[in-house]
Amino acid sequence: MNENKIEVESILIGYGSIGKVHLSQLLSNYTNVLVIDPDLKTKDKLLELNKAEKIFYSASIEEIKFIRPPKIAVIANWGPDHFSSLIELINLDVKNFIVEKPLSDSFYELDQIKEKIKEYKVNLITNMQISYSYLPTLLTKIKQEYSIGAPIGIFITGGAKCIATMGVHYLALANTLFGDRPLNVSANLKSSNINPRNIKFKYLEGSANWEFSNQRYLAINFLNTSQVSLKCEILFQRASAVIIGNHIEVLLIDTNEAQQLTSPNRTAYPNKTVYKGEAFIFPDGKTGQDIIYENIREIGKKNLNELGLSATEDLLSALVASETFQNYSLPIQLSNDNPLYFKKWDIS
């Protein structure tokens, strides 16, 4: 791209697997899009889409000069690069952002992002599709119809899915379903050199546990030596919701058995299915990502995504807990003379 000023409605930084998904959304919602990716092969890949009138390409942000700021920028490059990309675009007066998770890989950068959001009146949503999906609404409907009470535990198990890459989604989901932030965190994590994005990035296995108020918990356990995909189970007092892939099944403890549970330590298996079907897609066909794009288009609405900021902070806190072999009360307090405050954890 030459240094002539251009006019585009949207920007996409990063054309990896998730970047391709975002490009489809941007082409559906905006007149045109500028794709920024340092891999020069990206330009040829974009030309193959036969949408030259809608797609522009640049190898770097530094080459860009705008007639006016774009309406939106999507940051979908490697996690450790999110911060620098965000700051560069804010300096170009871009105000509306969708940023892939994790939002940042250090406490220092996360605090800087909070300050920039406030100073420049930026709207930012982290791409936490599960929390914006139909799932929270579905569980609320089932809870009301069958009087199963509020969710009290969320348990994620599986093989090589990475507690940073996938775990942050379930941290956001826990915050959404519990309507709260965690109070404590403990973790025992190890990394393997198997990250498909780049082997220099962490790919975390082990256990991470977050305690919320009123004896509610989120626990994530992944094993890098297993190729079994993840399963999510959400426990209520007398019901269980099991999510495998995009499918959910909600089971209750049968009424007759429930009547026998006369003390807290008496238990029974839930065996009555009250819902079985799609977990995440709304009845009208919309996805959580569709909702995220709808929200960011509502210019003037407060889109500051506390969900993404808090989930990222609570994830980073688990990394500190594992690194120091300590449990921590949250929000974690790290002074700016603590090396862990500035440490980049290389998660993506």
Protein backbone atom coordinates (compact mmCIF):
# COMPACT_ATOMS: atom_id res chain seq x y z
CA MET A 1 0.00 0.00 0.00
CA ASN A 2 1.30 3.45 -0.82
CA GLU A 3 1.06 6.40 1.55
CA ASN A 4 -2.02 7.90 -0.10
CA LYS A 5 -4.83 8.39 2.34
CA ILE A 6 -7.58 5.82 2.17
CA GLU A 7 -11.12 5.63 3.49
CA VAL A 8 -12.36 2.36 4.98
CA GLU A 9 -15.19 1.57 7.39
CA SER A 10 -13.45 -1.28 9.19
CA ILE A 11 -10.04 -2.76 9.99
CA LEU A 12 -9.05 -6.34 10.68
CA ILE A 13 -5.63 -7.03 12.20
CA GLY A 14 -4.64 -10.66 11.78
CA TYR A 15 -5.83 -13.07 9.10
CA GLY A 16 -5.49 -16.38 10.87
CA SER A 17 -8.30 -18.88 11.46
CA ILE A 18 -10.32 -16.57 13.72
CA GLY A 19 -9.43 -13.60 11.50
CA LYS A 20 -11.22 -15.28 8.60
CA VAL A 21 -14.37 -15.52 10.74
CA HIS A 22 -14.14 -11.84 11.59
CA LEU A 23 -13.57 -10.90 7.95
CA SER A 24 -16.88 -12.56 7.05
CA GLN A 25 -18.65 -10.54 9.76
CA LEU A 26 -17.02 -7.28 8.67
CA LEU A 27 -17.89 -7.83 5.00
CA SER A 28 -21.50 -8.45 6.04
CA ASN A 29 -21.76 -5.37 8.23
CA TYR A 30 -19.54 -2.72 6.66
CA THR A 31 -18.90 -1.28 3.22
CA ASN A 32 -15.26 -2.34 3.12
CA VAL A 33 -12.42 -3.62 5.27
CA LEU A 34 -8.67 -3.11 5.50
CA VAL A 35 -6.86 -6.33 6.42
CA ILE A 36 -3.51 -5.87 8.16
CA ASP A 37 -1.21 -8.88 8.37
CA PRO A 38 2.60 -9.08 8.14
CA ASP A 39 2.45 -12.31 6.13
CA LEU A 40 2.69 -11.12 2.53
CA LYS A 41 0.96 -14.31 1.36
CA THR A 42 -2.19 -12.89 2.94
CA LYS A 43 -2.55 -10.47 0.03
CA ASP A 44 -2.78 -13.34 -2.46
CA LYS A 45 -5.27 -15.17 -0.26
CA LEU A 46 -7.47 -12.08 -0.13
CA LEU A 47 -7.33 -11.67 -3.90
CA GLU A 48 -8.70 -15.20 -4.23
CA LEU A 49 -11.88 -14.00 -2.49
CA ASN A 50 -12.71 -11.88 -5.57
CA LYS A 51 -13.85 -8.91 -3.50
CA ALA A 52 -11.23 -6.38 -4.50
CA GLU A 53 -13.75 -3.54 -4.27
CA LYS A 54 -14.38 -4.33 -0.60
CA ILE A 55 -11.02 -5.59 0.74
CA PHE A 56 -7.79 -3.61 1.06
CA TYR A 57 -4.50 -4.99 2.35
CA SER A 58 -1.53 -3.64 4.28
CA ALA A 59 1.43 -5.39 5.89
CA SER A 60 1.55 -3.00 8.86
CA ILE A 61 -0.32 -0.28 10.69
CA GLU A 62 2.55 2.17 10.11
CA GLU A 63 1.71 2.35 6.39
CA ILE A 64 -1.83 3.58 7.04
CA LYS A 65 -3.13 7.10 6.58
CA PHE A 66 -6.89 7.62 6.86
CA ILE A 67 -9.14 10.30 5.42
CA ARG A 68 -11.22 9.72 8.53
CA PRO A 69 -11.03 7.06 11.27
CA PRO A 70 -12.74 3.75 10.52
CA LYS A 71 -15.93 2.89 12.40
CA ILE A 72 -14.46 -0.28 13.92
CA ALA A 73 -11.24 -2.22 14.29
CA VAL A 74 -11.03 -5.94 15.05
CA ILE A 75 -7.79 -7.13 16.61
CA ALA A 76 -7.28 -10.83 15.93
CA ASN A 77 -3.50 -11.22 15.80
CA TRP A 78 -1.40 -13.06 18.39
CA GLY A 79 -2.36 -12.36 22.01
CA PRO A 80 0.97 -10.79 23.07
CA ASP A 81 0.56 -8.27 20.20
CA HIS A 82 -2.97 -7.14 21.09
CA PHE A 83 -1.79 -4.29 23.30
CA SER A 84 0.56 -2.64 20.81
CA SER A 85 -2.00 -2.95 18.00
CA LEU A 86 -4.71 -1.44 20.17
CA ILE A 87 -2.54 1.52 21.20
CA GLU A 88 -1.50 2.23 17.61
CA LEU A 89 -5.12 2.29 16.45
CA ILE A 90 -6.27 4.44 19.37
CA ASN A 91 -3.55 6.90 18.35
CA LEU A 92 -5.17 6.91 14.90
CA ASP A 93 -8.42 7.96 16.62
CA VAL A 94 -10.24 4.65 16.21
CA LYS A 95 -12.93 4.46 18.92
CA ASN A 96 -14.67 1.09 18.55
CA PHE A 97 -12.93 -2.26 18.98
CA ILE A 98 -13.57 -5.97 19.08
CA VAL A 99 -10.46 -7.68 20.50
CA GLU A 100 -9.80 -11.39 20.57
CA LYS A 101 -9.10 -13.10 23.87
CA PRO A 102 -7.04 -12.92 25.92
CA LEU A 103 -7.24 -9.14 25.82
CA SER A 104 -3.66 -8.84 27.06
CA ASP A 105 -0.93 -11.09 28.47
CA SER A 106 0.34 -8.84 31.28
CA PHE A 107 -1.11 -6.88 34.20
CA TYR A 108 0.77 -3.75 33.15
CA GLU A 109 -0.70 -3.79 29.65
CA LEU A 110 -4.16 -4.53 31.01
CA ASP A 111 -3.99 -1.49 33.30
CA GLN A 112 -2.76 0.63 30.39
CA ILE A 113 -5.73 -0.53 28.30
CA LYS A 114 -8.14 0.48 31.08
CA GLU A 115 -6.56 3.94 31.21
CA LYS A 116 -6.69 4.38 27.42
CA ILE A 117 -10.33 3.31 27.31
CA LYS A 118 -11.20 5.95 29.88
CA GLU A 119 -8.96 8.71 28.48
CA TYR A 120 -9.97 8.33 24.83
CA LYS A 121 -13.60 7.23 25.42
CA VAL A 122 -13.04 3.95 23.61
CA ASN A 123 -15.72 1.27 23.18
CA LEU A 124 -14.19 -2.18 23.46
CA ILE A 125 -15.66 -5.67 23.52
CA THR A 126 -13.57 -8.80 24.01
CA ASN A 127 -14.70 -11.63 21.77
CA MET A 128 -16.22 -13.87 24.47
CA GLN A 129 -18.82 -15.53 22.23
CA ILE A 130 -20.08 -18.07 24.80
CA SER A 131 -21.14 -15.38 27.26
CA TYR A 132 -23.01 -13.50 24.51
CA SER A 133 -24.59 -16.68 23.16
CA TYR A 134 -28.03 -18.13 23.84
CA LEU A 135 -26.67 -20.27 26.71
CA PRO A 136 -27.17 -17.79 29.61
CA THR A 137 -30.72 -17.00 28.41
CA LEU A 138 -31.50 -20.70 27.94
CA LEU A 139 -30.34 -21.62 31.44
CA THR A 140 -32.37 -18.75 32.94
CA LYS A 141 -35.50 -20.04 31.18
CA ILE A 142 -34.92 -23.60 32.40
CA LYS A 143 -34.17 -22.37 35.91
CA GLN A 144 -37.46 -20.45 36.01
CA GLU A 145 -39.55 -23.24 34.47
CA TYR A 146 -38.27 -26.07 36.64
CA SER A 147 -37.27 -24.16 39.82
CA ILE A 148 -33.80 -25.69 39.88
CA GLY A 149 -32.19 -22.70 41.57
CA ALA A 150 -29.14 -20.75 40.52
CA PRO A 151 -25.96 -22.35 39.15
CA ILE A 152 -23.43 -23.11 41.88
CA GLY A 153 -20.57 -24.86 40.08
CA ILE A 154 -18.99 -24.91 36.62
CA PHE A 155 -16.55 -27.71 35.85
CA ILE A 156 -14.52 -27.91 32.63
CA THR A 157 -12.52 -31.04 31.84
CA GLY A 158 -10.70 -32.27 28.78
CA GLY A 159 -7.47 -32.90 26.97
CA ALA A 160 -5.18 -30.45 25.18
CA LYS A 161 -7.38 -27.32 25.03
CA CYS A 162 -5.17 -24.85 27.00
CA ILE A 163 -6.39 -23.20 30.17
CA ALA A 164 -5.46 -19.78 28.78
CA THR A 165 -6.85 -20.17 25.26
CA MET A 166 -10.14 -21.82 26.22
CA GLY A 167 -10.24 -21.23 29.96
CA VAL A 168 -10.75 -17.48 29.67
CA HIS A 169 -14.04 -18.13 27.83
CA TYR A 170 -15.33 -20.09 30.82
CA LEU A 171 -14.09 -17.47 33.27
CA ALA A 172 -16.25 -14.97 31.40
CA LEU A 173 -19.14 -17.45 31.42
CA ALA A 174 -18.78 -17.98 35.18
CA ASN A 175 -18.82 -14.22 35.74
CA THR A 176 -21.95 -14.03 33.58
CA LEU A 177 -23.87 -16.93 35.17
CA PHE A 178 -22.85 -16.08 38.73
CA GLY A 179 -23.27 -12.34 38.17
CA ASP A 180 -20.07 -11.75 40.09
CA ARG A 181 -16.27 -11.79 40.12
CA PRO A 182 -14.30 -14.54 41.90
CA LEU A 183 -12.98 -14.00 45.42
CA ASN A 184 -10.02 -16.42 45.36
CA VAL A 185 -7.84 -18.32 42.90
CA SER A 186 -5.48 -21.29 43.09
CA ALA A 187 -3.69 -23.06 40.23
CA ASN A 188 -1.09 -25.65 39.32
CA LEU A 189 -0.21 -25.22 35.65
CA LYS A 190 2.41 -26.47 33.21
CA SER A 191 3.02 -25.67 29.56
CA SER A 192 3.86 -27.82 26.54
CA ASN A 193 5.38 -26.65 23.25
CA ILE A 194 2.31 -27.56 21.21
CA ASN A 195 0.58 -24.22 20.64
CA PRO A 196 -0.69 -24.31 17.02
CA ARG A 197 -0.30 -20.54 16.67
CA ASN A 198 3.39 -20.60 17.57
CA ILE A 199 5.33 -22.98 19.80
CA LYS A 200 6.83 -20.02 21.67
CA PHE A 201 3.39 -19.40 23.20
CA LYS A 202 2.18 -21.23 26.30
CA TYR A 203 -0.23 -24.14 26.03
CA LEU A 204 -1.32 -24.74 29.61
CA GLU A 205 -2.44 -27.94 31.25
CA GLY A 206 -3.21 -28.66 34.89
CA SER A 207 -5.81 -27.30 37.26
CA ALA A 208 -7.13 -23.81 37.95
CA ASN A 209 -9.85 -23.04 40.48
CA TRP A 210 -11.75 -19.87 41.22
CA GLU A 211 -14.01 -19.46 44.26
CA PHE A 212 -16.96 -17.08 44.08
CA SER A 213 -19.23 -15.83 46.85
CA ASN A 214 -21.87 -18.14 48.37
CA GLN A 215 -19.84 -21.33 47.85
CA ARG A 216 -19.84 -21.17 44.04
CA TYR A 217 -16.89 -22.44 42.03
CA LEU A 218 -15.29 -22.64 38.60
CA ALA A 219 -12.76 -25.44 38.09
CA ILE A 220 -10.83 -26.14 34.88
CA ASN A 221 -8.73 -29.26 34.37
CA PHE A 222 -6.94 -29.95 31.07
CA LEU A 223 -4.34 -32.59 30.14
CA ASN A 224 -2.01 -31.96 27.22
CA THR A 225 -1.36 -35.70 26.86
CA SER A 226 -5.04 -36.37 26.11
CA GLN A 227 -6.80 -35.77 22.80
CA VAL A 228 -10.27 -35.91 24.35
CA SER A 229 -12.10 -32.63 23.72
CA LEU A 230 -13.56 -30.58 26.53
CA LYS A 231 -16.79 -31.11 28.44
CA CYS A 232 -18.57 -28.47 30.48
CA GLU A 233 -20.85 -29.39 33.36
CA ILE A 234 -22.89 -26.78 35.23
CA LEU A 235 -24.31 -27.91 38.56
CA PHE A 236 -27.46 -26.61 40.23
CA GLN A 237 -28.74 -27.85 43.59
CA ARG A 238 -30.72 -30.70 42.02
CA ALA A 239 -29.91 -30.47 38.32
CA SER A 240 -26.97 -30.77 35.95
CA ALA A 241 -26.40 -29.20 32.54
CA VAL A 242 -23.80 -31.01 30.43
CA ILE A 243 -22.39 -29.35 27.31
CA ILE A 244 -20.41 -31.37 24.78
CA GLY A 245 -19.56 -29.52 21.59
CA ASN A 246 -22.57 -27.39 20.68
CA HIS A 247 -25.06 -29.74 22.38
CA ILE A 248 -26.52 -29.34 25.87
CA GLU A 249 -28.55 -31.75 27.99
CA VAL A 250 -30.18 -30.61 31.23
CA LEU A 251 -31.16 -33.33 33.69
CA LEU A 252 -33.07 -33.07 36.98
CA ILE A 253 -33.12 -35.36 39.98
CA ASP A 254 -36.45 -37.15 39.74
CA THR A 255 -39.10 -35.80 42.14
CA ASN A 256 -39.48 -39.11 43.96
CA GLU A 257 -35.74 -39.34 44.58
CA ALA A 258 -35.53 -35.67 45.47
CA GLN A 259 -37.99 -36.25 48.31
CA GLN A 260 -35.50 -38.69 49.83
CA LEU A 261 -32.73 -36.06 49.98
CA THR A 262 -33.48 -35.03 53.55
CA SER A 263 -29.98 -33.76 54.41
CA PRO A 264 -27.30 -31.87 52.48
CA ASN A 265 -24.98 -34.88 52.29
CA ARG A 266 -27.59 -37.15 50.68
CA THR A 267 -27.22 -37.18 46.88
CA ALA A 268 -28.78 -38.74 43.78
CA TYR A 269 -27.99 -38.82 40.09
CA PRO A 270 -30.03 -36.48 37.87
CA ASN A 271 -31.96 -38.75 35.52
CA LYS A 272 -34.86 -36.75 34.10
CA THR A 273 -34.02 -34.90 30.87
CA VAL A 274 -35.88 -31.58 30.62
CA TYR A 275 -33.95 -30.07 27.72
CA LYS A 276 -31.75 -31.49 24.99
CA GLY A 277 -30.55 -29.49 22.01
CA GLU A 278 -28.46 -26.59 20.73
CA ALA A 279 -26.48 -24.84 23.47
CA PHE A 280 -25.34 -21.58 21.91
CA ILE A 281 -27.37 -20.47 18.88
CA PHE A 282 -30.43 -18.29 19.47
CA PRO A 283 -33.81 -19.50 18.15
CA ASP A 284 -33.58 -16.89 15.36
CA GLY A 285 -30.22 -18.31 14.25
CA LYS A 286 -27.98 -15.61 15.71
CA THR A 287 -24.70 -16.52 17.38
CA GLY A 288 -22.88 -14.91 20.27
CA GLN A 289 -20.54 -13.28 17.79
CA ASP A 290 -23.52 -11.82 15.92
CA ILE A 291 -24.62 -10.22 19.20
CA ILE A 292 -21.15 -8.81 19.80
CA TYR A 293 -21.18 -7.15 16.38
CA GLU A 294 -24.68 -5.79 17.00
CA ASN A 295 -23.54 -4.28 20.28
CA ILE A 296 -20.47 -2.58 18.84
CA ARG A 297 -22.53 -1.07 16.01
CA GLU A 298 -24.70 0.73 18.54
CA ILE A 299 -22.48 3.80 18.60
CA GLY A 300 -23.13 5.81 21.73
CA LYS A 301 -24.01 2.76 23.80
CA LYS A 302 -21.50 2.03 26.55
CA ASN A 303 -19.67 -0.95 25.08
CA LEU A 304 -16.76 -1.02 27.52
CA ASN A 305 -16.50 -4.74 28.07
CA GLU A 306 -15.96 -5.22 31.80
CA LEU A 307 -16.48 -8.91 31.12
CA GLY A 308 -13.36 -9.17 28.97
CA LEU A 309 -11.27 -7.02 31.25
CA SER A 310 -12.23 -8.94 34.39
CA ALA A 311 -11.88 -12.40 32.83
CA THR A 312 -8.42 -11.50 31.53
CA GLU A 313 -7.37 -10.19 34.93
CA ASP A 314 -8.67 -13.30 36.71
CA LEU A 315 -6.86 -15.54 34.20
CA LEU A 316 -3.58 -13.70 34.72
CA SER A 317 -4.12 -14.05 38.47
CA ALA A 318 -4.25 -17.84 38.05
CA LEU A 319 -0.90 -17.72 36.24
CA VAL A 320 0.60 -15.78 39.15
CA ALA A 321 -0.88 -18.26 41.65
CA SER A 322 0.72 -21.15 39.78
CA GLU A 323 4.06 -19.36 39.37
CA THR A 324 4.34 -18.50 43.08
CA PHE A 325 2.71 -21.66 44.50
CA GLN A 326 0.24 -19.51 46.43
CA ASN A 327 -3.49 -18.94 46.65
CA TYR A 328 -4.60 -15.35 46.14
CA SER A 329 -7.56 -13.23 47.14
CA LEU A 330 -8.98 -11.34 44.20
CA PRO A 331 -8.64 -8.85 42.72
CA ILE A 332 -4.95 -9.58 43.01
CA GLN A 333 -2.73 -6.74 44.22
CA LEU A 334 0.63 -6.48 42.45
CA SER A 335 2.77 -3.41 43.04
CA ASN A 336 4.49 -1.86 40.04
CA ASP A 337 7.87 -2.87 41.45
CA ASN A 338 6.87 -6.54 41.28
CA PRO A 339 8.34 -8.25 38.19
CA LEU A 340 5.13 -10.26 37.83
CA TYR A 341 3.25 -7.02 37.20
CA PHE A 342 5.21 -6.50 33.97
CA LYS A 343 5.75 -10.14 33.04
CA LYS A 344 4.39 -11.08 29.62
CA TRP A 345 3.01 -14.57 29.95
CA ASP A 346 3.08 -15.43 26.23
CA ILE A 347 -0.51 -16.65 26.05
CA SER A 348 -2.50 -16.48 22.84
